[in-house]
């Protein structure tokens, strides 16, 4: 069950050498969290294990971003994103996330790995207005249609700019 945490306006800054690692099962339940994850999110291992990874989801993140994530992973591809997460106290922190399918010895997907690190400030400045627009689209679309509507908005916007989601996201990290 997702905790009801009230967001604050306090930002937690990751250090350059902070690497957050977690692993989930196929449904997104946390099966592993490294100490850096626990320290930054301020959750104990016991509080994280078996919980849905969205326990740290900040309400400023559009649902469409996660719809795109799950669609990409279900196609067996890795996914990159800038994500605003929330700590157990409601503080927030930004990460540049890489999520990949975890394969067993037969090549079957058994879960997902997520490795997150400090994003470039310029990338966050570029992505915040995009996420705000996606959230506006979601509010207008209503709860049932929100995720798909904001994914379509994002893909249409990037298409008009002559780029793809991956090129856009990875380009922000390389600038």
N, C-alpha and C. Protein backbone atom coordinates (compact mmCIF):
# COMPACT_ATOMS: atom_id res chain seq x y z
N UNK A 1 0.84 -1.19 0.00
CA UNK A 1 0.00 0.00 0.00
C UNK A 1 0.88 1.25 0.00
N UNK A 2 0.60 2.18 -0.89
CA UNK A 2 1.37 3.41 -0.98
C UNK A 2 1.06 4.30 0.22
N UNK A 3 2.11 4.81 0.83
CA UNK A 3 1.95 5.70 1.97
C UNK A 3 1.41 7.04 1.53
N UNK A 4 0.68 7.70 2.37
CA UNK A 4 0.20 9.05 2.10
C UNK A 4 1.21 10.03 2.69
N UNK A 5 2.09 10.52 1.84
CA UNK A 5 3.13 11.45 2.27
C UNK A 5 2.84 12.80 1.65
N UNK A 6 2.93 13.85 2.44
CA UNK A 6 2.71 15.20 1.95
C UNK A 6 4.02 15.76 1.40
N UNK A 7 4.03 16.13 0.12
CA UNK A 7 5.26 16.69 -0.46
C UNK A 7 5.66 18.00 0.20
N UNK A 8 6.96 18.19 0.32
CA UNK A 8 7.52 19.46 0.79
C UNK A 8 8.18 20.14 -0.40
N UNK A 9 8.73 21.28 -0.20
CA UNK A 9 9.49 21.95 -1.26
C UNK A 9 10.99 21.82 -1.02
N UNK A 10 11.39 20.91 -0.16
CA UNK A 10 12.83 20.73 0.13
C UNK A 10 13.42 19.72 -0.85
N UNK A 11 14.50 20.13 -1.48
CA UNK A 11 15.18 19.24 -2.41
C UNK A 11 16.39 18.59 -1.76
N UNK A 12 16.53 17.32 -1.99
CA UNK A 12 17.72 16.57 -1.58
C UNK A 12 18.59 16.45 -2.84
N UNK A 13 19.83 16.87 -2.73
CA UNK A 13 20.75 16.80 -3.86
C UNK A 13 21.58 15.53 -3.77
N UNK A 14 21.60 14.76 -4.84
CA UNK A 14 22.49 13.60 -4.89
C UNK A 14 23.92 14.09 -5.07
N UNK A 15 24.85 13.36 -4.50
CA UNK A 15 26.27 13.65 -4.73
C UNK A 15 26.65 13.07 -6.09
N UNK A 16 27.72 13.57 -6.67
CA UNK A 16 28.16 13.10 -7.99
C UNK A 16 28.40 11.60 -8.00
N UNK A 17 28.85 11.05 -6.88
CA UNK A 17 29.19 9.62 -6.84
C UNK A 17 28.06 8.74 -6.29
N UNK A 18 26.89 9.31 -6.01
CA UNK A 18 25.76 8.52 -5.55
C UNK A 18 25.19 7.69 -6.70
N UNK A 19 25.09 6.40 -6.48
CA UNK A 19 24.47 5.49 -7.43
C UNK A 19 23.37 4.76 -6.67
N UNK A 20 22.13 4.97 -7.10
CA UNK A 20 20.99 4.32 -6.48
C UNK A 20 20.64 3.09 -7.30
N UNK A 21 20.51 1.95 -6.64
CA UNK A 21 20.21 0.70 -7.33
C UNK A 21 19.02 0.04 -6.64
N UNK A 22 18.10 -0.44 -7.46
CA UNK A 22 17.00 -1.25 -6.93
C UNK A 22 16.66 -2.31 -7.97
N UNK A 23 15.98 -3.32 -7.49
CA UNK A 23 15.52 -4.41 -8.34
C UNK A 23 14.07 -4.68 -7.96
N UNK A 24 13.26 -5.00 -8.99
CA UNK A 24 11.86 -5.32 -8.72
C UNK A 24 11.49 -6.64 -9.40
N UNK A 25 10.36 -7.16 -8.99
CA UNK A 25 9.80 -8.31 -9.70
C UNK A 25 9.04 -7.78 -10.92
N UNK A 26 8.35 -8.64 -11.60
CA UNK A 26 7.64 -8.25 -12.83
C UNK A 26 6.51 -7.25 -12.59
N UNK A 27 6.00 -7.19 -11.37
CA UNK A 27 4.90 -6.27 -11.08
C UNK A 27 5.36 -4.95 -10.46
N UNK A 28 6.68 -4.77 -10.32
CA UNK A 28 7.19 -3.53 -9.76
C UNK A 28 7.39 -3.54 -8.26
N UNK A 29 7.28 -4.70 -7.63
CA UNK A 29 7.54 -4.79 -6.18
C UNK A 29 9.04 -4.88 -5.95
N UNK A 30 9.52 -4.09 -5.01
CA UNK A 30 10.95 -4.00 -4.73
C UNK A 30 11.45 -5.30 -4.10
N UNK A 31 12.49 -5.87 -4.70
CA UNK A 31 13.13 -7.08 -4.16
C UNK A 31 14.54 -6.80 -3.67
N UNK A 32 15.08 -5.65 -4.05
CA UNK A 32 16.42 -5.24 -3.60
C UNK A 32 16.51 -3.72 -3.63
N UNK A 33 17.15 -3.15 -2.62
CA UNK A 33 17.43 -1.71 -2.57
C UNK A 33 18.81 -1.54 -1.95
N UNK A 34 19.68 -0.79 -2.64
CA UNK A 34 21.01 -0.59 -2.05
C UNK A 34 20.96 0.47 -0.95
N UNK A 35 22.03 0.56 -0.20
CA UNK A 35 22.07 1.47 0.95
C UNK A 35 21.93 2.93 0.52
N UNK A 36 22.43 3.27 -0.65
CA UNK A 36 22.29 4.64 -1.13
C UNK A 36 20.82 4.98 -1.34
N UNK A 37 20.07 4.06 -1.91
CA UNK A 37 18.63 4.25 -2.09
C UNK A 37 17.96 4.47 -0.73
N UNK A 38 18.27 3.61 0.22
CA UNK A 38 17.65 3.72 1.54
C UNK A 38 18.02 5.04 2.21
N UNK A 39 19.27 5.45 2.08
CA UNK A 39 19.73 6.69 2.72
C UNK A 39 19.05 7.91 2.11
N UNK A 40 19.01 7.99 0.79
CA UNK A 40 18.45 9.17 0.14
C UNK A 40 16.93 9.23 0.30
N UNK A 41 16.26 8.11 0.11
CA UNK A 41 14.79 8.08 0.23
C UNK A 41 14.34 8.03 1.69
N UNK A 42 15.25 7.74 2.58
CA UNK A 42 14.99 7.65 4.02
C UNK A 42 13.92 6.60 4.36
N UNK A 43 14.08 5.46 3.73
CA UNK A 43 13.27 4.29 4.06
C UNK A 43 14.22 3.18 4.48
N UNK A 44 13.81 2.37 5.43
CA UNK A 44 14.61 1.21 5.81
C UNK A 44 14.40 0.11 4.78
N UNK A 45 15.26 -0.87 4.81
CA UNK A 45 15.12 -2.01 3.91
C UNK A 45 13.76 -2.69 4.13
N UNK A 46 13.40 -2.86 5.37
CA UNK A 46 12.12 -3.50 5.70
C UNK A 46 10.94 -2.70 5.14
N UNK A 47 11.04 -1.38 5.16
CA UNK A 47 9.95 -0.54 4.64
C UNK A 47 9.86 -0.59 3.11
N UNK A 48 10.97 -0.90 2.44
CA UNK A 48 10.99 -0.92 0.98
C UNK A 48 10.69 -2.28 0.36
N UNK A 49 11.26 -3.33 0.94
CA UNK A 49 11.11 -4.64 0.32
C UNK A 49 9.65 -5.06 0.24
N UNK A 50 9.26 -5.59 -0.89
CA UNK A 50 7.90 -6.05 -1.20
C UNK A 50 6.92 -4.91 -1.47
N UNK A 51 7.38 -3.67 -1.40
CA UNK A 51 6.51 -2.53 -1.71
C UNK A 51 6.60 -2.23 -3.20
N UNK A 52 5.53 -1.66 -3.75
CA UNK A 52 5.58 -1.18 -5.13
C UNK A 52 6.61 -0.06 -5.21
N UNK A 53 7.35 -0.02 -6.31
CA UNK A 53 8.39 0.99 -6.46
C UNK A 53 7.80 2.40 -6.43
N UNK A 54 6.52 2.52 -6.71
CA UNK A 54 5.91 3.86 -6.70
C UNK A 54 5.75 4.42 -5.28
N UNK A 55 6.25 3.72 -4.29
CA UNK A 55 6.27 4.25 -2.92
C UNK A 55 7.03 5.58 -2.88
N UNK A 56 7.93 5.78 -3.85
CA UNK A 56 8.72 7.03 -3.88
C UNK A 56 8.26 7.97 -4.99
N UNK A 57 7.15 7.68 -5.64
CA UNK A 57 6.67 8.53 -6.74
C UNK A 57 6.22 9.88 -6.22
N UNK A 58 6.75 10.92 -6.83
CA UNK A 58 6.35 12.29 -6.49
C UNK A 58 5.13 12.66 -7.34
N UNK A 59 4.16 13.38 -6.78
CA UNK A 59 2.97 13.74 -7.55
C UNK A 59 3.25 14.68 -8.73
N UNK A 60 4.43 15.29 -8.79
CA UNK A 60 4.78 16.13 -9.93
C UNK A 60 5.17 15.31 -11.16
N UNK A 61 5.25 13.99 -11.01
CA UNK A 61 5.58 13.13 -12.14
C UNK A 61 4.31 12.74 -12.87
N UNK A 62 4.27 12.98 -14.19
CA UNK A 62 3.07 12.57 -14.94
C UNK A 62 2.94 11.05 -15.01
N UNK A 63 1.71 10.60 -14.93
CA UNK A 63 1.45 9.15 -15.01
C UNK A 63 1.88 8.60 -16.36
N UNK A 64 1.80 9.43 -17.38
CA UNK A 64 2.20 9.00 -18.72
C UNK A 64 3.66 8.59 -18.80
N UNK A 65 4.51 9.21 -18.00
CA UNK A 65 5.93 8.83 -17.99
C UNK A 65 6.07 7.37 -17.57
N UNK A 66 5.28 6.94 -16.61
CA UNK A 66 5.36 5.56 -16.14
C UNK A 66 4.66 4.60 -17.10
N UNK A 67 3.63 5.09 -17.79
CA UNK A 67 2.99 4.28 -18.82
C UNK A 67 4.01 3.97 -19.92
N UNK A 68 4.77 5.00 -20.32
CA UNK A 68 5.80 4.82 -21.34
C UNK A 68 6.89 3.87 -20.85
N UNK A 69 7.27 4.00 -19.59
CA UNK A 69 8.26 3.11 -18.99
C UNK A 69 7.80 1.65 -19.09
N UNK A 70 6.58 1.36 -18.61
CA UNK A 70 6.11 -0.01 -18.61
C UNK A 70 5.92 -0.56 -20.02
N UNK A 71 5.43 0.27 -20.94
CA UNK A 71 5.29 -0.18 -22.33
C UNK A 71 6.65 -0.54 -22.92
N UNK A 72 7.65 0.27 -22.63
CA UNK A 72 9.00 0.03 -23.15
C UNK A 72 9.58 -1.25 -22.56
N UNK A 73 9.47 -1.41 -21.24
CA UNK A 73 10.01 -2.60 -20.59
C UNK A 73 9.31 -3.87 -21.06
N UNK A 74 8.01 -3.80 -21.25
CA UNK A 74 7.27 -4.98 -21.70
C UNK A 74 7.65 -5.38 -23.12
N UNK A 75 8.25 -4.46 -23.86
CA UNK A 75 8.78 -4.78 -25.19
C UNK A 75 10.22 -5.27 -25.12
N UNK A 76 10.73 -5.47 -23.89
CA UNK A 76 12.08 -6.01 -23.70
C UNK A 76 13.19 -4.99 -23.87
N UNK A 77 12.85 -3.72 -23.88
CA UNK A 77 13.85 -2.67 -24.09
C UNK A 77 14.17 -1.96 -22.78
N UNK A 78 15.35 -1.35 -22.74
CA UNK A 78 15.71 -0.54 -21.57
C UNK A 78 15.05 0.82 -21.70
N UNK A 79 14.95 1.50 -20.57
CA UNK A 79 14.25 2.78 -20.53
C UNK A 79 15.08 3.79 -19.75
N UNK A 80 15.15 5.00 -20.27
CA UNK A 80 15.84 6.10 -19.61
C UNK A 80 14.83 7.20 -19.30
N UNK A 81 15.00 7.85 -18.15
CA UNK A 81 14.08 8.94 -17.79
C UNK A 81 14.69 9.80 -16.70
N UNK A 82 14.21 11.03 -16.65
CA UNK A 82 14.47 11.91 -15.51
C UNK A 82 13.26 11.78 -14.62
N UNK A 83 13.51 11.48 -13.36
CA UNK A 83 12.40 11.19 -12.45
C UNK A 83 12.56 12.00 -11.17
N UNK A 84 11.45 12.62 -10.78
CA UNK A 84 11.38 13.32 -9.50
C UNK A 84 10.78 12.35 -8.50
N UNK A 85 11.57 11.98 -7.51
CA UNK A 85 11.14 11.04 -6.48
C UNK A 85 10.90 11.77 -5.17
N UNK A 86 10.26 11.08 -4.24
CA UNK A 86 9.93 11.66 -2.94
C UNK A 86 10.46 10.78 -1.81
N UNK A 87 11.00 11.43 -0.79
CA UNK A 87 11.51 10.71 0.37
C UNK A 87 10.36 10.40 1.33
N UNK A 88 10.66 9.66 2.38
CA UNK A 88 9.64 9.32 3.37
C UNK A 88 9.10 10.54 4.10
N UNK A 89 9.86 11.66 4.08
CA UNK A 89 9.41 12.90 4.73
C UNK A 89 8.71 13.85 3.77
N UNK A 90 8.66 13.50 2.48
CA UNK A 90 8.03 14.37 1.50
C UNK A 90 9.00 15.25 0.74
N UNK A 91 10.30 15.20 1.10
CA UNK A 91 11.30 15.94 0.34
C UNK A 91 11.43 15.30 -1.03
N UNK A 92 12.05 15.99 -1.98
CA UNK A 92 12.17 15.41 -3.32
C UNK A 92 13.62 15.37 -3.77
N UNK A 93 13.87 14.50 -4.73
CA UNK A 93 15.19 14.41 -5.35
C UNK A 93 15.02 13.94 -6.79
N UNK A 94 15.84 14.50 -7.65
CA UNK A 94 15.81 14.15 -9.07
C UNK A 94 16.87 13.11 -9.37
N UNK A 95 16.54 12.20 -10.28
CA UNK A 95 17.49 11.19 -10.73
C UNK A 95 17.43 11.05 -12.24
N UNK A 96 18.54 10.60 -12.81
CA UNK A 96 18.56 10.14 -14.19
C UNK A 96 18.55 8.63 -14.07
N UNK A 97 17.45 8.01 -14.53
CA UNK A 97 17.22 6.58 -14.32
C UNK A 97 17.43 5.78 -15.59
N UNK A 98 18.02 4.60 -15.41
CA UNK A 98 18.13 3.61 -16.47
C UNK A 98 17.52 2.32 -15.91
N UNK A 99 16.44 1.86 -16.53
CA UNK A 99 15.75 0.66 -16.08
C UNK A 99 15.88 -0.39 -17.18
N UNK A 100 16.30 -1.59 -16.78
CA UNK A 100 16.51 -2.66 -17.75
C UNK A 100 15.83 -3.95 -17.28
N UNK A 101 15.39 -4.76 -18.23
CA UNK A 101 14.85 -6.06 -17.86
C UNK A 101 15.95 -6.93 -17.24
N UNK A 102 15.58 -7.71 -16.23
CA UNK A 102 16.47 -8.67 -15.59
C UNK A 102 16.11 -10.05 -16.15
N UNK A 103 17.07 -10.67 -16.80
CA UNK A 103 16.83 -11.95 -17.47
C UNK A 103 17.41 -13.11 -16.67
N UNK A 104 16.70 -14.24 -16.68
CA UNK A 104 17.24 -15.45 -16.07
C UNK A 104 18.17 -16.15 -17.07
N UNK A 105 18.69 -17.30 -16.71
CA UNK A 105 19.66 -18.00 -17.56
C UNK A 105 19.07 -18.47 -18.89
N UNK A 106 17.74 -18.53 -18.98
CA UNK A 106 17.08 -18.90 -20.23
C UNK A 106 16.67 -17.69 -21.06
N UNK A 107 17.02 -16.50 -20.58
CA UNK A 107 16.66 -15.28 -21.31
C UNK A 107 15.25 -14.78 -21.04
N UNK A 108 14.59 -15.36 -20.05
CA UNK A 108 13.24 -14.95 -19.68
C UNK A 108 13.31 -13.77 -18.71
N UNK A 109 12.47 -12.75 -18.94
CA UNK A 109 12.42 -11.60 -18.04
C UNK A 109 11.81 -12.03 -16.71
N UNK A 110 12.56 -11.78 -15.62
CA UNK A 110 12.08 -12.16 -14.28
C UNK A 110 11.89 -10.94 -13.38
N UNK A 111 12.27 -9.78 -13.86
CA UNK A 111 12.14 -8.56 -13.09
C UNK A 111 12.85 -7.43 -13.79
N UNK A 112 13.16 -6.39 -13.01
CA UNK A 112 13.79 -5.20 -13.59
C UNK A 112 14.84 -4.63 -12.64
N UNK A 113 15.92 -4.11 -13.23
CA UNK A 113 16.96 -3.39 -12.50
C UNK A 113 16.80 -1.91 -12.79
N UNK A 114 17.01 -1.10 -11.80
CA UNK A 114 17.03 0.35 -12.01
C UNK A 114 18.30 0.91 -11.38
N UNK A 115 19.04 1.65 -12.18
CA UNK A 115 20.24 2.33 -11.71
C UNK A 115 20.00 3.81 -11.94
N UNK A 116 20.17 4.59 -10.86
CA UNK A 116 19.89 6.01 -10.93
C UNK A 116 21.07 6.81 -10.40
N UNK A 117 21.29 7.95 -11.05
CA UNK A 117 22.38 8.82 -10.63
C UNK A 117 21.94 10.27 -10.74
N UNK A 118 22.83 11.15 -10.31
CA UNK A 118 22.54 12.58 -10.33
C UNK A 118 22.42 13.07 -11.77
N UNK A 119 21.31 13.75 -12.07
CA UNK A 119 21.15 14.29 -13.42
C UNK A 119 21.83 15.66 -13.54
N UNK A 120 22.04 16.08 -14.76
CA UNK A 120 22.56 17.42 -14.99
C UNK A 120 21.44 18.42 -14.69
N UNK A 121 21.82 19.54 -14.10
CA UNK A 121 20.83 20.58 -13.78
C UNK A 121 20.14 21.08 -15.04
N UNK A 122 20.87 21.19 -16.13
CA UNK A 122 20.28 21.67 -17.39
C UNK A 122 19.21 20.69 -17.90
N UNK A 123 19.39 19.41 -17.65
CA UNK A 123 18.41 18.42 -18.07
C UNK A 123 17.11 18.59 -17.28
N UNK A 124 17.24 18.84 -15.99
CA UNK A 124 16.05 19.03 -15.15
C UNK A 124 15.31 20.30 -15.58
N UNK A 125 16.07 21.36 -15.86
CA UNK A 125 15.44 22.60 -16.32
C UNK A 125 14.67 22.38 -17.62
N UNK A 126 15.16 21.50 -18.46
CA UNK A 126 14.49 21.22 -19.74
C UNK A 126 13.29 20.30 -19.58
N UNK A 127 13.35 19.37 -18.65
CA UNK A 127 12.28 18.37 -18.54
C UNK A 127 11.10 18.86 -17.70
N UNK A 128 11.33 19.75 -16.75
CA UNK A 128 10.25 20.21 -15.87
C UNK A 128 9.08 20.80 -16.67
N UNK A 129 9.31 21.69 -17.64
CA UNK A 129 8.15 22.21 -18.39
C UNK A 129 7.43 21.13 -19.21
N UNK A 130 8.16 20.15 -19.70
CA UNK A 130 7.54 19.05 -20.44
C UNK A 130 6.62 18.27 -19.51
N UNK A 131 7.11 17.94 -18.31
CA UNK A 131 6.28 17.22 -17.34
C UNK A 131 5.07 18.05 -16.92
N UNK A 132 5.24 19.36 -16.78
CA UNK A 132 4.10 20.21 -16.42
C UNK A 132 3.03 20.18 -17.51
N UNK A 133 3.46 20.20 -18.76
CA UNK A 133 2.51 20.11 -19.87
C UNK A 133 1.82 18.75 -19.88
N UNK A 134 2.57 17.69 -19.62
CA UNK A 134 1.97 16.36 -19.56
C UNK A 134 0.94 16.27 -18.44
N UNK A 135 1.25 16.86 -17.29
CA UNK A 135 0.30 16.87 -16.18
C UNK A 135 -0.96 17.65 -16.54
N UNK A 136 -0.82 18.76 -17.27
CA UNK A 136 -1.99 19.53 -17.72
C UNK A 136 -2.86 18.68 -18.64
N UNK A 137 -2.23 17.96 -19.56
CA UNK A 137 -2.96 17.08 -20.47
C UNK A 137 -3.69 16.01 -19.67
N UNK A 138 -3.03 15.46 -18.66
CA UNK A 138 -3.64 14.42 -17.83
C UNK A 138 -4.86 14.94 -17.07
N UNK A 139 -4.75 16.15 -16.53
CA UNK A 139 -5.89 16.72 -15.79
C UNK A 139 -7.09 16.90 -16.72
N UNK A 140 -6.84 17.35 -17.94
CA UNK A 140 -7.93 17.57 -18.90
C UNK A 140 -8.52 16.25 -19.40
N UNK A 141 -7.70 15.23 -19.50
CA UNK A 141 -8.16 13.94 -20.02
C UNK A 141 -8.98 13.15 -19.01
N UNK A 142 -8.77 13.39 -17.73
CA UNK A 142 -9.46 12.63 -16.70
C UNK A 142 -8.66 11.40 -16.31
N UNK A 143 -8.92 10.85 -15.13
CA UNK A 143 -8.10 9.77 -14.58
C UNK A 143 -7.94 8.55 -15.48
N UNK A 144 -9.00 8.10 -16.10
CA UNK A 144 -8.93 6.86 -16.89
C UNK A 144 -8.06 7.03 -18.14
N UNK A 145 -8.14 8.19 -18.78
CA UNK A 145 -7.43 8.41 -20.04
C UNK A 145 -6.11 9.16 -19.88
N UNK A 146 -5.80 9.59 -18.66
CA UNK A 146 -4.64 10.46 -18.42
C UNK A 146 -3.31 9.89 -18.91
N UNK A 147 -2.93 8.67 -18.54
CA UNK A 147 -1.61 8.19 -18.95
C UNK A 147 -1.43 8.13 -20.46
N UNK A 148 -2.40 7.57 -21.16
CA UNK A 148 -2.29 7.45 -22.61
C UNK A 148 -2.31 8.83 -23.28
N UNK A 149 -3.13 9.74 -22.77
CA UNK A 149 -3.21 11.08 -23.35
C UNK A 149 -1.87 11.81 -23.23
N UNK A 150 -1.22 11.70 -22.09
CA UNK A 150 0.05 12.42 -21.93
C UNK A 150 1.18 11.75 -22.71
N UNK A 151 1.15 10.43 -22.88
CA UNK A 151 2.15 9.76 -23.72
C UNK A 151 1.98 10.23 -25.17
N UNK A 152 0.75 10.26 -25.63
CA UNK A 152 0.49 10.74 -26.99
C UNK A 152 0.95 12.18 -27.16
N UNK A 153 0.66 13.02 -26.18
CA UNK A 153 1.10 14.42 -26.23
C UNK A 153 2.62 14.48 -26.35
N UNK A 154 3.32 13.73 -25.52
CA UNK A 154 4.78 13.74 -25.54
C UNK A 154 5.31 13.26 -26.88
N UNK A 155 4.80 12.14 -27.37
CA UNK A 155 5.27 11.60 -28.64
C UNK A 155 4.96 12.53 -29.80
N UNK A 156 3.78 13.15 -29.80
CA UNK A 156 3.43 14.11 -30.85
C UNK A 156 4.34 15.33 -30.80
N UNK A 157 4.60 15.84 -29.59
CA UNK A 157 5.47 17.00 -29.43
C UNK A 157 6.88 16.70 -29.93
N UNK A 158 7.41 15.56 -29.53
CA UNK A 158 8.76 15.19 -29.96
C UNK A 158 8.80 14.92 -31.46
N UNK A 159 7.75 14.33 -32.00
CA UNK A 159 7.67 14.09 -33.44
C UNK A 159 7.71 15.39 -34.23
N UNK A 160 6.99 16.41 -33.74
CA UNK A 160 7.01 17.72 -34.42
C UNK A 160 8.41 18.35 -34.36
N UNK A 161 9.18 17.97 -33.33
CA UNK A 161 10.55 18.49 -33.20
C UNK A 161 11.55 17.61 -33.97
N UNK A 162 11.04 16.55 -34.59
CA UNK A 162 11.88 15.68 -35.40
C UNK A 162 12.79 14.77 -34.59
N UNK A 163 12.32 14.40 -33.41
CA UNK A 163 13.14 13.53 -32.57
C UNK A 163 12.28 12.44 -31.94
N UNK A 164 12.96 11.50 -31.31
CA UNK A 164 12.29 10.43 -30.59
C UNK A 164 12.47 10.65 -29.09
N UNK A 165 11.73 9.90 -28.31
CA UNK A 165 11.86 9.99 -26.86
C UNK A 165 13.30 9.70 -26.42
N UNK A 166 13.86 8.59 -26.89
CA UNK A 166 15.21 8.22 -26.47
C UNK A 166 16.24 9.28 -26.85
N UNK A 167 16.17 9.79 -28.08
CA UNK A 167 17.14 10.83 -28.49
C UNK A 167 16.98 12.08 -27.65
N UNK A 168 15.74 12.45 -27.35
CA UNK A 168 15.49 13.62 -26.53
C UNK A 168 16.07 13.46 -25.13
N UNK A 169 15.74 12.37 -24.47
CA UNK A 169 16.19 12.13 -23.09
C UNK A 169 17.70 11.99 -23.01
N UNK A 170 18.28 11.16 -23.84
CA UNK A 170 19.72 10.95 -23.80
C UNK A 170 20.47 12.21 -24.22
N UNK A 171 19.89 13.00 -25.11
CA UNK A 171 20.50 14.25 -25.50
C UNK A 171 20.59 15.24 -24.36
N UNK A 172 19.60 15.24 -23.47
CA UNK A 172 19.63 16.15 -22.32
C UNK A 172 20.78 15.81 -21.38
N UNK A 173 21.12 14.55 -21.26
CA UNK A 173 22.19 14.15 -20.35
C UNK A 173 23.56 14.45 -20.94
N UNK A 174 23.66 14.54 -22.27
CA UNK A 174 24.97 14.74 -22.88
C UNK A 174 25.31 16.21 -23.08
N UNK A 175 24.34 17.11 -22.86
CA UNK A 175 24.58 18.55 -23.06
C UNK A 175 25.38 19.11 -21.90
